[in-house]
Amino acid sequence: MTKASKLSRRERQMMDIIYRLEEASAKEVQDNLEDPPSYSSVRTLLRKLVEKGHISHRESGLKYVYYPLVARKAASRTALSNIVKTFFSDSPLLAVNSLLDMSNTDISDEELKQLEKLIKDKKKANKLSGKNLTNKKRKG
């Protein structure tokens, strides 16, 4: 794992805020944190996020305004990939099964239809690209 992909719980919370607001000052980040640390701690963590390559900043008057360097979709894909590798033996099937099991509410028929379409589209894409993943070697 690269240094840039390792975020503490608080850093992830701060990234969520910056993604949600699209850009934010240190004070805005602090105001949106649950049980916020001191202002100087927020500034320190923002500096670390800059060093790790997750965010950058621009000057706006007397303050810095922070913004993400990686699109949320790309960042979430990387994070999810790491979770699947770490907790589900690199198996999307095990990860999806776990997500379906932990759902707080029943999945609607419409959501199931959407999942079926996603699966059908993925099968079609695999077929078009010549990938035959049905006999994928199992690990272990």
N, C-alpha and C. Protein backbone atom coordinates (compact mmCIF):
# COMPACT_ATOMS: atom_id res chain seq x y z
N MET A 1 0.84 -1.17 0.00
CA MET A 1 0.00 0.00 0.00
C MET A 1 0.88 1.24 0.00
N THR A 2 0.52 2.23 -0.78
CA THR A 2 1.32 3.43 -0.83
C THR A 2 1.01 4.33 0.34
N LYS A 3 1.92 5.24 0.60
CA LYS A 3 1.71 6.19 1.69
C LYS A 3 0.42 6.97 1.48
N ALA A 4 0.14 7.31 0.21
CA ALA A 4 -1.04 8.11 -0.09
C ALA A 4 -2.34 7.39 0.21
N SER A 5 -2.33 6.06 0.20
CA SER A 5 -3.58 5.34 0.41
C SER A 5 -3.88 5.09 1.88
N LYS A 6 -2.94 5.37 2.76
CA LYS A 6 -3.15 5.13 4.19
C LYS A 6 -3.68 6.39 4.86
N LEU A 7 -4.93 6.32 5.28
CA LEU A 7 -5.54 7.45 5.96
C LEU A 7 -6.03 7.01 7.33
N SER A 8 -5.85 7.88 8.30
CA SER A 8 -6.41 7.62 9.63
C SER A 8 -7.92 7.84 9.57
N ARG A 9 -8.60 7.43 10.61
CA ARG A 9 -10.05 7.64 10.69
C ARG A 9 -10.39 9.12 10.55
N ARG A 10 -9.66 9.97 11.26
CA ARG A 10 -9.92 11.41 11.23
C ARG A 10 -9.62 11.99 9.84
N GLU A 11 -8.54 11.51 9.21
CA GLU A 11 -8.22 11.98 7.86
C GLU A 11 -9.33 11.59 6.88
N ARG A 12 -9.88 10.39 7.03
CA ARG A 12 -10.99 9.97 6.16
C ARG A 12 -12.21 10.85 6.38
N GLN A 13 -12.48 11.18 7.63
CA GLN A 13 -13.61 12.07 7.94
C GLN A 13 -13.40 13.43 7.26
N MET A 14 -12.18 13.93 7.33
CA MET A 14 -11.88 15.23 6.73
C MET A 14 -12.01 15.17 5.21
N MET A 15 -11.55 14.08 4.62
CA MET A 15 -11.69 13.92 3.17
C MET A 15 -13.17 13.87 2.79
N ASP A 16 -13.99 13.19 3.57
CA ASP A 16 -15.43 13.14 3.29
C ASP A 16 -16.01 14.55 3.28
N ILE A 17 -15.60 15.37 4.23
CA ILE A 17 -16.10 16.75 4.32
C ILE A 17 -15.66 17.55 3.09
N ILE A 18 -14.39 17.42 2.74
CA ILE A 18 -13.87 18.18 1.58
C ILE A 18 -14.55 17.71 0.30
N TYR A 19 -14.77 16.41 0.15
CA TYR A 19 -15.50 15.93 -1.03
C TYR A 19 -16.92 16.47 -1.04
N ARG A 20 -17.59 16.44 0.09
CA ARG A 20 -18.98 16.88 0.17
C ARG A 20 -19.10 18.37 -0.14
N LEU A 21 -18.18 19.18 0.41
CA LEU A 21 -18.23 20.63 0.21
C LEU A 21 -17.53 21.07 -1.08
N GLU A 22 -16.77 20.17 -1.69
CA GLU A 22 -15.97 20.39 -2.90
C GLU A 22 -14.70 21.20 -2.62
N GLU A 23 -14.74 22.10 -1.69
CA GLU A 23 -13.56 22.80 -1.19
C GLU A 23 -13.94 23.39 0.17
N ALA A 24 -12.92 23.53 1.02
CA ALA A 24 -13.23 24.00 2.38
C ALA A 24 -11.99 24.58 3.05
N SER A 25 -12.22 25.56 3.89
CA SER A 25 -11.15 26.11 4.73
C SER A 25 -10.98 25.18 5.93
N ALA A 26 -9.90 25.39 6.67
CA ALA A 26 -9.67 24.60 7.88
C ALA A 26 -10.83 24.78 8.87
N LYS A 27 -11.32 26.00 8.99
CA LYS A 27 -12.44 26.29 9.90
C LYS A 27 -13.70 25.55 9.46
N GLU A 28 -13.97 25.52 8.15
CA GLU A 28 -15.15 24.81 7.65
C GLU A 28 -15.03 23.31 7.90
N VAL A 29 -13.82 22.78 7.72
CA VAL A 29 -13.60 21.36 8.02
C VAL A 29 -13.85 21.11 9.50
N GLN A 30 -13.27 21.95 10.36
CA GLN A 30 -13.45 21.80 11.81
C GLN A 30 -14.93 21.87 12.18
N ASP A 31 -15.66 22.82 11.60
CA ASP A 31 -17.08 23.00 11.91
C ASP A 31 -17.93 21.79 11.50
N ASN A 32 -17.46 21.02 10.53
CA ASN A 32 -18.22 19.88 10.03
C ASN A 32 -17.80 18.55 10.64
N LEU A 33 -16.77 18.57 11.49
CA LEU A 33 -16.31 17.35 12.13
C LEU A 33 -17.12 17.05 13.39
N GLU A 34 -17.41 15.79 13.58
CA GLU A 34 -18.04 15.36 14.83
C GLU A 34 -16.95 15.33 15.89
N ASP A 35 -17.22 15.89 17.06
CA ASP A 35 -16.24 15.96 18.14
C ASP A 35 -14.90 16.50 17.61
N PRO A 36 -14.90 17.74 17.10
CA PRO A 36 -13.73 18.26 16.41
C PRO A 36 -12.52 18.47 17.32
N PRO A 37 -11.34 18.23 16.78
CA PRO A 37 -10.11 18.55 17.52
C PRO A 37 -9.87 20.06 17.45
N SER A 38 -8.80 20.52 18.03
CA SER A 38 -8.47 21.95 18.01
C SER A 38 -8.20 22.41 16.58
N TYR A 39 -8.29 23.70 16.37
CA TYR A 39 -8.04 24.27 15.05
C TYR A 39 -6.63 23.93 14.57
N SER A 40 -5.65 24.01 15.46
CA SER A 40 -4.27 23.69 15.05
C SER A 40 -4.13 22.22 14.66
N SER A 41 -4.87 21.34 15.33
CA SER A 41 -4.85 19.92 14.95
C SER A 41 -5.46 19.71 13.58
N VAL A 42 -6.55 20.42 13.29
CA VAL A 42 -7.17 20.33 11.96
C VAL A 42 -6.18 20.79 10.90
N ARG A 43 -5.50 21.90 11.14
CA ARG A 43 -4.51 22.42 10.18
C ARG A 43 -3.38 21.41 9.99
N THR A 44 -2.93 20.78 11.07
CA THR A 44 -1.87 19.77 10.97
C THR A 44 -2.33 18.59 10.11
N LEU A 45 -3.54 18.11 10.35
CA LEU A 45 -4.06 16.98 9.58
C LEU A 45 -4.26 17.36 8.11
N LEU A 46 -4.69 18.58 7.84
CA LEU A 46 -4.83 19.03 6.46
C LEU A 46 -3.47 19.07 5.77
N ARG A 47 -2.44 19.54 6.50
CA ARG A 47 -1.09 19.55 5.94
C ARG A 47 -0.63 18.14 5.60
N LYS A 48 -0.96 17.17 6.47
CA LYS A 48 -0.60 15.77 6.21
C LYS A 48 -1.32 15.24 4.98
N LEU A 49 -2.58 15.63 4.80
CA LEU A 49 -3.33 15.21 3.61
C LEU A 49 -2.72 15.80 2.34
N VAL A 50 -2.20 17.03 2.45
CA VAL A 50 -1.49 17.63 1.31
C VAL A 50 -0.23 16.83 1.01
N GLU A 51 0.55 16.51 2.06
CA GLU A 51 1.79 15.75 1.90
C GLU A 51 1.53 14.37 1.30
N LYS A 52 0.42 13.75 1.65
CA LYS A 52 0.08 12.43 1.14
C LYS A 52 -0.49 12.48 -0.28
N GLY A 53 -0.74 13.68 -0.78
CA GLY A 53 -1.20 13.82 -2.15
C GLY A 53 -2.71 13.70 -2.35
N HIS A 54 -3.47 13.81 -1.27
CA HIS A 54 -4.93 13.70 -1.38
C HIS A 54 -5.59 15.04 -1.68
N ILE A 55 -5.03 16.12 -1.15
CA ILE A 55 -5.62 17.44 -1.35
C ILE A 55 -4.53 18.44 -1.69
N SER A 56 -4.97 19.59 -2.17
CA SER A 56 -4.08 20.72 -2.34
C SER A 56 -4.82 21.94 -1.81
N HIS A 57 -4.21 23.10 -1.92
CA HIS A 57 -4.87 24.30 -1.41
C HIS A 57 -4.52 25.49 -2.28
N ARG A 58 -5.36 26.49 -2.17
CA ARG A 58 -5.11 27.77 -2.80
C ARG A 58 -5.38 28.85 -1.76
N GLU A 59 -4.75 30.00 -1.95
CA GLU A 59 -4.98 31.10 -1.01
C GLU A 59 -6.26 31.82 -1.39
N SER A 60 -7.04 32.14 -0.39
CA SER A 60 -8.26 32.93 -0.57
C SER A 60 -8.27 33.96 0.55
N GLY A 61 -7.79 35.14 0.24
CA GLY A 61 -7.62 36.15 1.28
C GLY A 61 -6.54 35.73 2.24
N LEU A 62 -6.88 35.66 3.52
CA LEU A 62 -5.90 35.30 4.54
C LEU A 62 -5.95 33.82 4.90
N LYS A 63 -6.73 33.03 4.19
CA LYS A 63 -6.85 31.61 4.54
C LYS A 63 -6.55 30.73 3.34
N TYR A 64 -6.30 29.46 3.64
CA TYR A 64 -6.16 28.45 2.60
C TYR A 64 -7.51 27.78 2.40
N VAL A 65 -7.82 27.49 1.16
CA VAL A 65 -9.01 26.71 0.83
C VAL A 65 -8.50 25.39 0.23
N TYR A 66 -8.93 24.29 0.83
CA TYR A 66 -8.46 22.96 0.44
C TYR A 66 -9.45 22.31 -0.51
N TYR A 67 -8.91 21.54 -1.47
CA TYR A 67 -9.75 20.84 -2.44
C TYR A 67 -9.10 19.49 -2.76
N PRO A 68 -9.91 18.50 -3.12
CA PRO A 68 -9.36 17.16 -3.40
C PRO A 68 -8.60 17.14 -4.73
N LEU A 69 -7.55 16.33 -4.79
CA LEU A 69 -6.77 16.17 -6.02
C LEU A 69 -7.25 14.98 -6.84
N VAL A 70 -7.91 14.05 -6.20
CA VAL A 70 -8.39 12.86 -6.88
C VAL A 70 -9.92 12.89 -6.85
N ALA A 71 -10.54 12.59 -7.98
CA ALA A 71 -11.99 12.55 -8.02
C ALA A 71 -12.50 11.53 -7.01
N ARG A 72 -13.62 11.84 -6.41
CA ARG A 72 -14.19 10.96 -5.38
C ARG A 72 -14.39 9.54 -5.91
N LYS A 73 -14.84 9.41 -7.15
CA LYS A 73 -15.09 8.09 -7.72
C LYS A 73 -13.80 7.28 -7.79
N ALA A 74 -12.72 7.90 -8.24
CA ALA A 74 -11.43 7.19 -8.32
C ALA A 74 -10.92 6.84 -6.93
N ALA A 75 -11.07 7.75 -5.98
CA ALA A 75 -10.62 7.49 -4.61
C ALA A 75 -11.43 6.37 -3.98
N SER A 76 -12.74 6.37 -4.22
CA SER A 76 -13.58 5.31 -3.64
C SER A 76 -13.27 3.96 -4.27
N ARG A 77 -12.94 3.95 -5.56
CA ARG A 77 -12.58 2.70 -6.23
C ARG A 77 -11.31 2.11 -5.62
N THR A 78 -10.32 2.96 -5.39
CA THR A 78 -9.07 2.50 -4.78
C THR A 78 -9.33 1.98 -3.37
N ALA A 79 -10.11 2.73 -2.59
CA ALA A 79 -10.39 2.31 -1.21
C ALA A 79 -11.15 0.99 -1.20
N LEU A 80 -12.14 0.86 -2.06
CA LEU A 80 -12.92 -0.37 -2.11
C LEU A 80 -12.06 -1.55 -2.56
N SER A 81 -11.19 -1.31 -3.51
CA SER A 81 -10.28 -2.37 -3.96
C SER A 81 -9.41 -2.86 -2.81
N ASN A 82 -8.92 -1.93 -2.00
CA ASN A 82 -8.10 -2.32 -0.83
C ASN A 82 -8.92 -3.11 0.17
N ILE A 83 -10.17 -2.75 0.38
CA ILE A 83 -11.03 -3.47 1.31
C ILE A 83 -11.30 -4.88 0.80
N VAL A 84 -11.59 -5.00 -0.49
CA VAL A 84 -11.87 -6.32 -1.07
C VAL A 84 -10.64 -7.22 -0.94
N LYS A 85 -9.46 -6.67 -1.21
CA LYS A 85 -8.22 -7.45 -1.09
C LYS A 85 -7.97 -7.85 0.35
N THR A 86 -8.16 -6.92 1.28
CA THR A 86 -7.83 -7.15 2.68
C THR A 86 -8.81 -8.06 3.40
N PHE A 87 -10.10 -7.84 3.21
CA PHE A 87 -11.10 -8.52 4.00
C PHE A 87 -11.86 -9.63 3.29
N PHE A 88 -11.75 -9.69 1.96
CA PHE A 88 -12.55 -10.65 1.21
C PHE A 88 -11.72 -11.48 0.24
N SER A 89 -10.46 -11.70 0.58
CA SER A 89 -9.56 -12.55 -0.22
C SER A 89 -9.57 -12.16 -1.69
N ASP A 90 -9.66 -10.87 -1.96
CA ASP A 90 -9.67 -10.33 -3.32
C ASP A 90 -10.84 -10.87 -4.15
N SER A 91 -11.94 -11.19 -3.49
CA SER A 91 -13.12 -11.74 -4.16
C SER A 91 -14.28 -10.75 -4.14
N PRO A 92 -14.62 -10.17 -5.30
CA PRO A 92 -15.79 -9.29 -5.35
C PRO A 92 -17.07 -10.02 -4.93
N LEU A 93 -17.17 -11.31 -5.24
CA LEU A 93 -18.34 -12.09 -4.86
C LEU A 93 -18.54 -12.09 -3.35
N LEU A 94 -17.48 -12.35 -2.60
CA LEU A 94 -17.59 -12.35 -1.14
C LEU A 94 -17.94 -10.96 -0.60
N ALA A 95 -17.38 -9.93 -1.22
CA ALA A 95 -17.66 -8.56 -0.78
C ALA A 95 -19.13 -8.19 -1.04
N VAL A 96 -19.62 -8.50 -2.23
CA VAL A 96 -21.02 -8.18 -2.56
C VAL A 96 -21.96 -8.97 -1.66
N ASN A 97 -21.64 -10.24 -1.44
CA ASN A 97 -22.47 -11.06 -0.56
C ASN A 97 -22.54 -10.46 0.84
N SER A 98 -21.41 -9.99 1.34
CA SER A 98 -21.39 -9.38 2.65
C SER A 98 -22.21 -8.09 2.68
N LEU A 99 -22.11 -7.29 1.63
CA LEU A 99 -22.90 -6.07 1.55
C LEU A 99 -24.39 -6.37 1.54
N LEU A 100 -24.78 -7.39 0.81
CA LEU A 100 -26.19 -7.76 0.75
C LEU A 100 -26.67 -8.27 2.10
N ASP A 101 -25.84 -9.02 2.81
CA ASP A 101 -26.20 -9.55 4.13
C ASP A 101 -26.32 -8.46 5.19
N MET A 102 -25.50 -7.41 5.08
CA MET A 102 -25.48 -6.40 6.13
C MET A 102 -26.45 -5.25 5.88
N SER A 103 -27.17 -5.30 4.78
CA SER A 103 -28.12 -4.25 4.46
C SER A 103 -29.10 -4.06 5.61
N ASN A 104 -29.25 -2.81 6.06
CA ASN A 104 -30.16 -2.51 7.17
C ASN A 104 -31.62 -2.64 6.77
N THR A 105 -31.88 -2.52 5.51
CA THR A 105 -33.25 -2.64 5.01
C THR A 105 -33.27 -3.65 3.87
N ASP A 106 -34.46 -4.12 3.56
CA ASP A 106 -34.59 -5.03 2.43
C ASP A 106 -34.25 -4.29 1.15
N ILE A 107 -33.68 -5.02 0.21
CA ILE A 107 -33.37 -4.44 -1.09
C ILE A 107 -34.64 -4.50 -1.93
N SER A 108 -34.99 -3.37 -2.49
CA SER A 108 -36.23 -3.30 -3.27
C SER A 108 -36.11 -4.09 -4.57
N ASP A 109 -37.25 -4.41 -5.15
CA ASP A 109 -37.25 -5.08 -6.45
C ASP A 109 -36.55 -4.24 -7.49
N GLU A 110 -36.72 -2.93 -7.42
CA GLU A 110 -36.06 -2.03 -8.38
C GLU A 110 -34.54 -2.10 -8.23
N GLU A 111 -34.05 -2.11 -6.99
CA GLU A 111 -32.61 -2.21 -6.76
C GLU A 111 -32.08 -3.57 -7.24
N LEU A 112 -32.85 -4.63 -7.03
CA LEU A 112 -32.44 -5.94 -7.52
C LEU A 112 -32.37 -5.96 -9.04
N LYS A 113 -33.32 -5.30 -9.69
CA LYS A 113 -33.29 -5.19 -11.15
C LYS A 113 -32.04 -4.44 -11.61
N GLN A 114 -31.70 -3.38 -10.89
CA GLN A 114 -30.50 -2.62 -11.23
C GLN A 114 -29.25 -3.48 -11.07
N LEU A 115 -29.20 -4.28 -10.00
CA LEU A 115 -28.07 -5.19 -9.80
C LEU A 115 -27.99 -6.23 -10.92
N GLU A 116 -29.14 -6.78 -11.30
CA GLU A 116 -29.17 -7.75 -12.39
C GLU A 116 -28.64 -7.13 -13.68
N LYS A 117 -29.03 -5.87 -13.95
CA LYS A 117 -28.55 -5.19 -15.15
C LYS A 117 -27.04 -4.97 -15.09
N LEU A 118 -26.54 -4.58 -13.93
CA LEU A 118 -25.09 -4.40 -13.79
C LEU A 118 -24.34 -5.70 -14.06
N ILE A 119 -24.89 -6.80 -13.54
CA ILE A 119 -24.25 -8.11 -13.75
C ILE A 119 -24.30 -8.48 -15.23
N LYS A 120 -25.45 -8.28 -15.85
CA LYS A 120 -25.61 -8.60 -17.28
C LYS A 120 -24.64 -7.77 -18.12
N ASP A 121 -24.52 -6.48 -17.81
CA ASP A 121 -23.61 -5.60 -18.54
C ASP A 121 -22.15 -6.03 -18.35
N LYS A 122 -21.81 -6.46 -17.14
CA LYS A 122 -20.43 -6.91 -16.87
C LYS A 122 -20.13 -8.18 -17.64
N LYS A 123 -21.09 -9.11 -17.69
CA LYS A 123 -20.91 -10.35 -18.47
C LYS A 123 -20.69 -10.02 -19.94
N LYS A 124 -21.48 -9.09 -20.46
CA LYS A 124 -21.37 -8.68 -21.85
C LYS A 124 -19.99 -8.06 -22.12
N ALA A 125 -19.56 -7.20 -21.22
CA ALA A 125 -18.24 -6.56 -21.38
C ALA A 125 -17.12 -7.59 -21.34
N ASN A 126 -17.23 -8.58 -20.44
CA ASN A 126 -16.22 -9.65 -20.37
C ASN A 126 -16.19 -10.45 -21.66
N LYS A 127 -17.36 -10.75 -22.18
CA LYS A 127 -17.45 -11.52 -23.41
C LYS A 127 -16.83 -10.76 -24.57
N LEU A 128 -17.13 -9.47 -24.68
CA LEU A 128 -16.59 -8.64 -25.76
C LEU A 128 -15.08 -8.48 -25.67
N SER A 129 -14.55 -8.45 -24.46
CA SER A 129 -13.10 -8.29 -24.30
C SER A 129 -12.36 -9.61 -24.35
N GLY A 130 -13.11 -10.70 -24.49
CA GLY A 130 -12.48 -12.02 -24.59
C GLY A 130 -12.09 -12.61 -23.26
N LYS A 131 -12.54 -12.01 -22.18
CA LYS A 131 -12.22 -12.54 -20.84
C LYS A 131 -13.16 -13.68 -20.52
N ASN A 132 -12.60 -14.78 -20.09
CA ASN A 132 -13.41 -15.90 -19.61
C ASN A 132 -13.03 -16.10 -18.17
N LEU A 133 -13.82 -15.53 -17.29
CA LEU A 133 -13.49 -15.57 -15.87
C LEU A 133 -14.25 -16.65 -15.11
N THR A 134 -14.99 -17.49 -15.83
CA THR A 134 -15.79 -18.50 -15.13
C THR A 134 -14.90 -19.56 -14.48
N ASN A 135 -13.75 -19.79 -15.03
CA ASN A 135 -12.85 -20.80 -14.47
C ASN A 135 -11.65 -20.15 -13.79
N LYS A 136 -11.87 -18.97 -13.23
CA LYS A 136 -10.82 -18.24 -12.53
C LYS A 136 -10.23 -19.09 -11.43
N LYS A 137 -8.91 -19.13 -11.37
CA LYS A 137 -8.24 -19.93 -10.35
C LYS A 137 -8.56 -19.39 -8.98
N ARG A 138 -8.86 -20.26 -8.06
CA ARG A 138 -9.14 -19.87 -6.67
C ARG A 138 -7.83 -19.80 -5.90
N LYS A 139 -7.79 -18.82 -5.02
CA LYS A 139 -6.61 -18.69 -4.16
C LYS A 139 -6.69 -19.67 -3.01
N GLY A 140 -5.52 -20.09 -2.57
CA GLY A 140 -5.48 -20.92 -1.37
C GLY A 140 -5.61 -22.32 -1.73
